[in-house]
Amino acid sequence: MNNEKNQKKNETSSRAGGTLRPPMDVRSGVLWTLVLGILLPALGAFLLKNRSDLYVTLAADGAGAVIAFLLLRGRARAGGTVSRRFTAKDLILSVLLMFFTLHCLNGVCRIFLPEQTASSGAAARMAGSGTIGAGTGASGEILLAVIGLAVLPAIYEELLMRGILFRSLRTAVGFWPAALLSAAFWGIWHWNPAQCVTAFGAGLVLALLMEVYDSLALVILLHMANNLMSVFGWLLARWIPGVLRGPGASAGGDGILLLAEGLAAVWLFRKVKTGEPLRRR
């Protein structure tokens, strides 16, 4: 059945004027990750050194997303054993799983890394420097924050980390080493100690979902949802001071969220167990 689907996919690609290219090899994947993940942002910061952090982010993330998309365009799957079309239910439960992971890791970071946790996140850093949408009004501020801190980073980072790095490692060393290595690199890439911890955990979840669904669209949407929660949480706290910090106000909500997120985690691992997507080919 899978062979027939792959054959039809190749025939469709051939009729469209081309054939599927093989997955990117690990050497090329690591090289492009370093170029797009380190050199490109550094170049953007140098060329736009007189502009705000948000404009540097917009330029570097936008350029990186376009280049990564062009590199991945027309390439075959990376070798996962199961590829499923995700539904709206899968998306919602995957979002809950992601939030469960981040919820737990953020709690650990608040205990052991309180200062780093308070200053982590692009929205928090830019809020402190007043660089989000300065002089653009409320609507312009929201638009710039959504695009620059939620949408573009999600597309750029997922195309790079899961699309290029994880997939290239996956073809060479199998799922678990690829998941651990790509998540570790993504964590270190964030620099802030608290973000390193949460990004590593999120990277493992996103790699697992890539293995199950082989869908960059899914992991981009999950990453975007997390970024949007962060951006709108910061905007809400800015417009209504103290709304998210009332003593004991969030205890019930946190308990409900953790319960829903935990159920989503159980669902995913049951789905993984029945589908056996983690076996190396």
Protein backbone atom coordinates (compact mmCIF):
# COMPACT_ATOMS: atom_id res chain seq x y z
CA MET A 1 0.00 0.00 0.00
CA ASN A 2 2.74 2.45 0.96
CA ASN A 3 4.75 1.50 -2.14
CA GLU A 4 1.71 2.21 -4.33
CA LYS A 5 1.23 5.61 -2.67
CA ASN A 6 4.90 6.51 -3.13
CA GLN A 7 4.75 5.40 -6.78
CA LYS A 8 1.67 7.55 -7.42
CA LYS A 9 3.38 10.47 -5.67
CA ASN A 10 6.45 10.08 -7.89
CA GLU A 11 4.26 9.85 -11.00
CA THR A 12 2.39 13.01 -10.00
CA SER A 13 5.69 14.80 -9.38
CA SER A 14 7.04 13.67 -12.75
CA ARG A 15 3.93 14.90 -14.58
CA ALA A 16 4.32 18.26 -12.81
CA GLY A 17 7.72 18.67 -14.43
CA GLY A 18 10.18 17.12 -11.98
CA THR A 19 11.02 14.18 -9.75
CA LEU A 20 11.42 13.95 -6.01
CA ARG A 21 14.97 14.56 -4.82
CA PRO A 22 16.43 12.30 -2.12
CA PRO A 23 16.41 13.52 1.51
CA MET A 24 19.28 15.86 2.41
CA ASP A 25 22.36 13.99 3.63
CA VAL A 26 23.56 14.60 7.18
CA ARG A 27 26.66 16.61 6.21
CA SER A 28 24.65 19.02 4.09
CA GLY A 29 21.94 19.21 6.76
CA VAL A 30 24.35 20.16 9.52
CA LEU A 31 26.18 22.65 7.28
CA TRP A 32 22.97 24.41 6.22
CA THR A 33 21.77 24.46 9.83
CA LEU A 34 24.94 26.28 10.90
CA VAL A 35 24.73 28.71 7.97
CA LEU A 36 21.05 29.56 8.39
CA GLY A 37 20.94 29.25 12.17
CA ILE A 38 24.13 31.09 13.15
CA LEU A 39 25.78 32.93 10.25
CA LEU A 40 22.59 34.41 8.77
CA PRO A 41 21.30 35.95 12.04
CA ALA A 42 24.81 37.29 12.78
CA LEU A 43 24.96 38.83 9.31
CA GLY A 44 21.52 40.37 9.78
CA ALA A 45 22.50 41.84 13.14
CA PHE A 46 25.66 43.35 11.59
CA LEU A 47 23.91 44.84 8.57
CA LEU A 48 20.99 46.15 10.62
CA LYS A 49 22.96 47.13 13.71
CA ASN A 50 21.24 50.54 13.87
CA ARG A 51 17.73 49.03 13.76
CA SER A 52 15.69 47.50 16.55
CA ASP A 53 15.86 43.82 17.49
CA LEU A 54 12.43 43.23 15.96
CA TYR A 55 13.52 44.37 12.50
CA VAL A 56 16.63 42.20 12.70
CA THR A 57 14.39 39.26 13.62
CA LEU A 58 12.01 39.98 10.75
CA ALA A 59 14.85 40.17 8.22
CA ALA A 60 16.85 37.14 9.43
CA ASP A 61 13.85 34.88 10.03
CA GLY A 62 12.22 35.85 6.75
CA ALA A 63 15.36 35.23 4.71
CA GLY A 64 16.11 31.99 6.57
CA ALA A 65 12.57 30.68 6.03
CA VAL A 66 12.71 31.35 2.28
CA ILE A 67 16.13 29.69 1.86
CA ALA A 68 15.14 26.67 3.98
CA PHE A 69 11.91 26.26 2.00
CA LEU A 70 13.80 26.31 -1.28
CA LEU A 71 16.27 23.73 0.05
CA LEU A 72 13.48 21.39 1.15
CA ARG A 73 11.23 21.86 -1.85
CA GLY A 74 10.68 18.66 -3.80
CA ARG A 75 12.62 16.40 -1.42
CA ALA A 76 11.39 12.94 -0.44
CA ARG A 77 10.46 11.89 3.10
CA ALA A 78 13.22 11.45 5.65
CA GLY A 79 12.57 7.78 6.38
CA GLY A 80 10.03 7.68 9.22
CA THR A 81 8.16 4.38 9.32
CA VAL A 82 4.67 5.89 9.60
CA SER A 83 3.16 8.90 7.85
CA ARG A 84 -0.38 9.90 8.83
CA ARG A 85 -2.56 12.76 7.65
CA PHE A 86 -3.31 14.81 10.76
CA THR A 87 -6.84 15.94 11.58
CA ALA A 88 -8.17 18.90 13.59
CA LYS A 89 -8.42 16.57 16.60
CA ASP A 90 -4.78 15.54 16.18
CA LEU A 91 -3.77 19.21 16.00
CA ILE A 92 -5.68 20.17 19.15
CA LEU A 93 -4.36 17.23 21.17
CA SER A 94 -0.82 17.84 19.90
CA VAL A 95 -1.08 21.46 21.05
CA LEU A 96 -2.14 20.24 24.49
CA LEU A 97 0.81 17.84 24.56
CA MET A 98 3.19 20.67 23.68
CA PHE A 99 1.73 22.91 26.38
CA PHE A 100 1.92 20.06 28.93
CA THR A 101 5.64 19.67 28.22
CA LEU A 102 6.30 23.41 28.40
CA HIS A 103 4.09 23.80 31.47
CA CYS A 104 6.10 21.22 33.41
CA LEU A 105 9.48 22.50 32.23
CA ASN A 106 8.58 26.13 32.96
CA GLY A 107 7.63 25.09 36.49
CA VAL A 108 11.04 23.46 36.95
CA CYS A 109 12.78 26.54 35.55
CA ARG A 110 10.86 28.88 37.87
CA ILE A 111 12.20 26.89 40.83
CA PHE A 112 15.81 26.47 39.76
CA LEU A 113 16.30 29.36 37.28
CA PRO A 114 13.94 32.13 38.46
CA GLU A 115 15.92 35.08 37.09
CA GLN A 116 16.51 33.51 33.68
CA THR A 117 12.85 32.43 33.45
CA ALA A 118 11.63 35.97 34.06
CA SER A 119 13.80 37.36 31.26
CA SER A 120 13.34 34.54 28.76
CA GLY A 121 11.48 34.87 25.47
CA ALA A 122 11.77 37.38 22.68
CA ALA A 123 8.61 39.19 23.77
CA ALA A 124 9.93 39.67 27.32
CA ARG A 125 13.32 40.94 26.11
CA MET A 126 11.82 43.37 23.60
CA ALA A 127 9.19 44.51 26.07
CA GLY A 128 11.96 45.58 28.39
CA SER A 129 13.67 47.60 25.67
CA GLY A 130 10.44 49.02 24.24
CA THR A 131 11.24 47.89 20.71
CA ILE A 132 7.94 46.28 19.72
CA GLY A 133 6.01 48.50 17.37
CA ALA A 134 7.31 51.79 18.75
CA GLY A 135 5.22 54.61 17.30
CA THR A 136 2.87 52.31 15.37
CA GLY A 137 -0.16 52.40 17.67
CA ALA A 138 -1.96 49.48 19.27
CA SER A 139 -2.97 47.73 16.03
CA GLY A 140 0.50 48.14 14.53
CA GLU A 141 2.08 46.86 17.73
CA ILE A 142 -0.08 43.71 17.67
CA LEU A 143 0.61 43.07 13.98
CA LEU A 144 4.37 43.45 14.34
CA ALA A 145 4.44 41.29 17.47
CA VAL A 146 2.39 38.52 15.83
CA ILE A 147 4.45 38.47 12.63
CA GLY A 148 7.88 39.10 14.13
CA LEU A 149 7.60 37.04 17.31
CA ALA A 150 5.08 34.30 16.49
CA VAL A 151 4.60 33.58 12.80
CA LEU A 152 8.01 34.07 11.16
CA PRO A 153 10.10 32.45 13.95
CA ALA A 154 7.84 29.37 13.89
CA ILE A 155 8.17 28.93 10.13
CA TYR A 156 11.91 29.65 10.07
CA GLU A 157 12.87 27.50 13.06
CA GLU A 158 10.74 24.50 12.12
CA LEU A 159 11.91 24.43 8.49
CA LEU A 160 15.48 24.63 9.79
CA MET A 161 15.43 22.45 12.92
CA ARG A 162 12.89 19.79 12.00
CA GLY A 163 12.85 20.11 8.22
CA ILE A 164 16.61 20.21 7.61
CA LEU A 165 18.51 19.18 10.75
CA PHE A 166 16.21 16.50 12.19
CA ARG A 167 15.36 14.95 8.82
CA SER A 168 18.98 14.79 7.67
CA LEU A 169 20.08 13.23 10.98
CA ARG A 170 17.10 10.87 10.85
CA THR A 171 18.29 9.30 7.60
CA ALA A 172 21.78 8.70 9.05
CA VAL A 173 21.39 7.70 12.71
CA GLY A 174 17.72 6.84 13.29
CA PHE A 175 14.96 8.53 15.26
CA TRP A 176 16.14 8.82 18.87
CA PRO A 177 19.70 10.08 18.20
CA ALA A 178 18.29 12.52 15.63
CA ALA A 179 15.62 13.74 18.04
CA LEU A 180 18.08 14.19 20.92
CA LEU A 181 20.77 15.90 18.82
CA SER A 182 18.40 18.27 17.02
CA ALA A 183 16.59 19.15 20.28
CA ALA A 184 19.92 19.74 22.06
CA PHE A 185 21.15 22.03 19.29
CA TRP A 186 17.86 23.94 19.31
CA GLY A 187 18.07 24.32 23.08
CA ILE A 188 21.65 25.62 23.05
CA TRP A 189 20.73 27.89 20.13
CA HIS A 190 18.39 29.83 22.46
CA TRP A 191 21.27 30.79 24.83
CA ASN A 192 19.04 31.75 27.79
CA PRO A 193 19.35 28.86 30.31
CA ALA A 194 15.60 28.60 30.94
CA GLN A 195 14.85 28.67 27.22
CA CYS A 196 17.52 26.01 26.64
CA VAL A 197 15.60 23.64 28.95
CA THR A 198 12.15 24.34 27.50
CA ALA A 199 13.37 24.32 23.89
CA PHE A 200 15.06 20.96 24.40
CA GLY A 201 11.84 19.43 25.75
CA ALA A 202 9.73 21.02 23.03
CA GLY A 203 12.24 19.84 20.42
CA LEU A 204 11.78 16.23 21.51
CA VAL A 205 7.99 16.55 21.26
CA LEU A 206 8.18 18.16 17.83
CA ALA A 207 10.58 15.49 16.58
CA LEU A 208 8.21 12.80 17.85
CA LEU A 209 5.31 14.40 16.00
CA MET A 210 7.44 14.68 12.86
CA GLU A 211 8.10 10.95 13.13
CA VAL A 212 4.41 10.14 13.54
CA TYR A 213 3.00 12.49 10.89
CA ASP A 214 6.00 13.55 8.78
CA SER A 215 4.33 16.96 8.50
CA LEU A 216 6.18 20.25 8.73
CA ALA A 217 2.81 22.02 8.63
CA LEU A 218 1.83 20.38 11.94
CA VAL A 219 5.00 21.31 13.84
CA ILE A 220 4.92 24.85 12.42
CA LEU A 221 1.34 25.29 13.65
CA LEU A 222 2.28 23.96 17.11
CA HIS A 223 5.28 26.26 17.36
CA MET A 224 3.16 29.17 16.17
CA ALA A 225 0.45 28.42 18.76
CA ASN A 226 3.02 28.48 21.55
CA ASN A 227 4.52 31.75 20.30
CA LEU A 228 1.07 33.35 19.99
CA MET A 229 0.24 32.38 23.58
CA SER A 230 3.46 34.05 24.72
CA VAL A 231 2.90 37.21 22.65
CA PHE A 232 -0.75 37.69 23.62
CA GLY A 233 0.04 36.89 27.25
CA TRP A 234 2.65 39.65 27.25
CA LEU A 235 0.29 42.09 25.49
CA LEU A 236 -2.52 41.32 27.94
CA ALA A 237 -0.23 41.81 30.93
CA ARG A 238 0.92 45.11 29.42
CA TRP A 239 -2.59 46.43 28.79
CA ILE A 240 -4.09 45.15 32.07
CA PRO A 241 -1.31 45.21 34.70
CA GLY A 242 -1.55 42.37 37.21
CA VAL A 243 -4.19 40.41 35.27
CA LEU A 244 -1.95 37.35 35.03
CA ARG A 245 -0.30 37.74 38.43
CA GLY A 246 -3.11 37.71 40.95
CA PRO A 247 -2.24 35.64 44.06
CA GLY A 248 -3.76 32.20 43.61
CA ALA A 249 -5.78 33.33 40.59
CA SER A 250 -4.20 30.85 38.21
CA ALA A 251 -4.10 27.77 40.46
CA GLY A 252 -7.41 26.32 39.27
CA GLY A 253 -6.68 27.13 35.65
CA ASP A 254 -3.25 25.56 35.90
CA GLY A 255 -4.74 22.37 37.33
CA ILE A 256 -7.31 22.09 34.53
CA LEU A 257 -4.67 22.77 31.90
CA LEU A 258 -2.29 20.18 33.32
CA LEU A 259 -5.08 17.58 33.40
CA ALA A 260 -6.07 18.23 29.77
CA GLU A 261 -2.45 18.33 28.66
CA GLY A 262 -1.64 15.12 30.53
CA LEU A 263 -4.55 13.32 28.85
CA ALA A 264 -3.23 14.53 25.49
CA ALA A 265 0.20 13.10 26.35
CA VAL A 266 -1.35 9.71 27.15
CA TRP A 267 -3.27 9.82 23.86
CA LEU A 268 -0.15 10.53 21.82
CA PHE A 269 1.94 7.78 23.38
CA ARG A 270 -0.89 5.28 22.84
CA LYS A 271 -1.03 6.39 19.20
CA VAL A 272 2.73 5.98 18.88
CA LYS A 273 2.61 2.54 20.49
CA THR A 274 -0.06 1.24 18.11
CA GLY A 275 1.55 2.77 15.03
CA GLU A 276 5.14 1.82 15.93
CA PRO A 277 6.63 4.88 14.19
CA LEU A 278 9.92 4.93 16.10
CA ARG A 279 11.51 1.78 14.72
CA ARG A 280 14.62 2.50 12.69
CA ARG A 281 14.50 1.35 9.09
